[in-house]
Amino acid sequence: LNKNVPIFVCTMAYPTVPCPLHIFEPCYRLMIRRCMETGTRQFGMCISDPVKGFADYGCILEIRNVEFFADGRSVVDSIGKRRFKVIQHSQRDGYNTADIEYIEDQKVV
């Protein structure tokens, strides 16, 4: 999962830290539905950037659970997994996507 990764432009996320989300915008409702239907259950989270649209670094979030409501909104229980660097910014059906490269931390011994 490093080509055309869906990007949720919202807040800062970190590995191992839970990130509950209330999804109501149509583009992000579609993005979450696709993440669940394809089975990846993952998307990237980046903060906003006024020039590029979203930052060059972010964190992959894994969806642990989704509660869908009758009006189309949902509450997503996600948790941070891995940090990444954005290689290329793009868009798909109203939401942002990116080609990414994972950042590997040096192990402390």
Protein backbone atom coordinates (compact mmCIF):
# COMPACT_ATOMS: atom_id res chain seq x y z
CA LEU A 1 0.00 0.00 0.00
CA ASN A 2 2.09 2.92 -1.24
CA LYS A 3 0.51 4.00 -4.55
CA ASN A 4 -2.67 6.10 -4.69
CA VAL A 5 -3.08 6.01 -0.91
CA PRO A 6 -6.24 7.87 0.18
CA ILE A 7 -5.34 10.92 2.27
CA PHE A 8 -7.62 12.37 4.93
CA VAL A 9 -6.60 16.02 5.37
CA CYS A 10 -7.41 16.82 8.97
CA THR A 11 -5.11 16.66 11.97
CA MET A 12 -1.78 15.24 13.07
CA ALA A 13 -1.72 11.48 13.70
CA TYR A 14 1.00 9.36 15.31
CA PRO A 15 1.90 5.65 15.34
CA THR A 16 0.21 3.68 18.18
CA VAL A 17 -2.14 6.60 19.03
CA PRO A 18 -5.93 6.09 18.59
CA CYS A 19 -7.60 8.59 16.25
CA PRO A 20 -11.43 8.61 16.43
CA LEU A 21 -13.06 10.40 13.49
CA HIS A 22 -16.57 11.67 12.71
CA ILE A 23 -17.00 11.38 8.93
CA PHE A 24 -19.69 13.51 7.31
CA GLU A 25 -18.27 15.07 4.12
CA PRO A 26 -19.37 13.12 1.01
CA CYS A 27 -15.83 12.72 -0.38
CA TYR A 28 -14.54 11.22 2.89
CA ARG A 29 -17.63 9.02 3.25
CA LEU A 30 -16.73 7.57 -0.15
CA MET A 31 -13.07 7.22 0.84
CA ILE A 32 -13.88 5.29 4.05
CA ARG A 33 -16.38 3.06 2.25
CA ARG A 34 -13.72 2.19 -0.36
CA CYS A 35 -11.11 1.48 2.34
CA MET A 36 -13.53 -1.01 3.89
CA GLU A 37 -14.74 -2.59 0.61
CA THR A 38 -11.24 -3.14 -0.77
CA GLY A 39 -10.12 -4.68 2.52
CA THR A 40 -7.11 -2.40 3.00
CA ARG A 41 -8.76 -0.74 6.03
CA GLN A 42 -6.03 1.91 5.83
CA PHE A 43 -5.64 5.53 4.75
CA GLY A 44 -3.16 8.33 5.29
CA MET A 45 -3.67 11.32 7.57
CA CYS A 46 -1.93 14.63 6.80
CA ILE A 47 -2.38 18.16 8.05
CA SER A 48 -3.44 20.88 5.63
CA ASP A 49 -0.90 22.88 3.63
CA PRO A 50 -2.06 26.18 2.06
CA VAL A 51 0.14 25.71 -1.03
CA LYS A 52 0.20 21.95 -1.69
CA GLY A 53 -3.19 21.06 -0.20
CA PHE A 54 -1.67 18.71 2.36
CA ALA A 55 1.68 18.22 4.09
CA ASP A 56 4.58 16.17 2.74
CA TYR A 57 4.60 13.91 5.82
CA GLY A 58 1.82 11.96 7.51
CA CYS A 59 0.79 8.79 9.26
CA ILE A 60 -1.05 5.71 8.02
CA LEU A 61 -4.18 5.01 10.04
CA GLU A 62 -5.71 1.54 10.30
CA ILE A 63 -9.48 1.31 10.67
CA ARG A 64 -10.37 -0.85 13.66
CA ASN A 65 -14.14 -0.32 13.49
CA VAL A 66 -16.70 1.79 11.64
CA GLU A 67 -20.21 2.61 12.80
CA PHE A 68 -22.38 3.73 9.87
CA PHE A 69 -25.49 5.86 10.48
CA ALA A 70 -28.69 5.98 8.38
CA ASP A 71 -27.96 9.54 7.19
CA GLY A 72 -24.58 8.51 5.68
CA ARG A 73 -22.33 9.76 8.47
CA SER A 74 -20.01 7.40 10.29
CA VAL A 75 -17.77 7.21 13.32
CA VAL A 76 -14.42 5.63 12.54
CA ASP A 77 -12.23 4.08 15.22
CA SER A 78 -8.70 4.20 13.79
CA ILE A 79 -5.17 3.94 15.13
CA GLY A 80 -1.87 5.26 13.82
CA LYS A 81 0.44 2.64 12.24
CA ARG A 82 3.40 4.01 10.26
CA ARG A 83 4.78 7.40 9.28
CA PHE A 84 5.30 8.24 5.63
CA LYS A 85 6.69 10.84 3.23
CA VAL A 86 4.55 11.99 0.28
CA ILE A 87 6.25 11.42 -3.08
CA GLN A 88 3.43 12.70 -5.30
CA HIS A 89 0.19 14.56 -4.49
CA SER A 90 -2.97 13.72 -6.48
CA GLN A 91 -6.77 13.44 -6.22
CA ARG A 92 -9.48 10.87 -6.88
CA ASP A 93 -13.24 11.48 -6.86
CA GLY A 94 -13.01 14.58 -4.65
CA TYR A 95 -10.54 13.37 -2.03
CA ASN A 96 -6.76 13.58 -1.96
CA THR A 97 -4.45 10.66 -2.69
CA ALA A 98 -0.68 10.27 -2.71
CA ASP A 99 2.14 7.99 -3.68
CA ILE A 100 4.08 7.52 -0.47
CA GLU A 101 7.31 6.15 0.91
CA TYR A 102 7.37 4.73 4.44
CA ILE A 103 9.76 6.22 6.98
CA GLU A 104 11.76 3.65 8.93
CA ASP A 105 12.91 4.68 12.37
CA GLN A 106 16.38 3.71 13.50
CA LYS A 107 16.19 1.18 16.31
CA VAL A 108 17.71 2.24 19.61
CA VAL A 109 19.85 -0.52 21.12
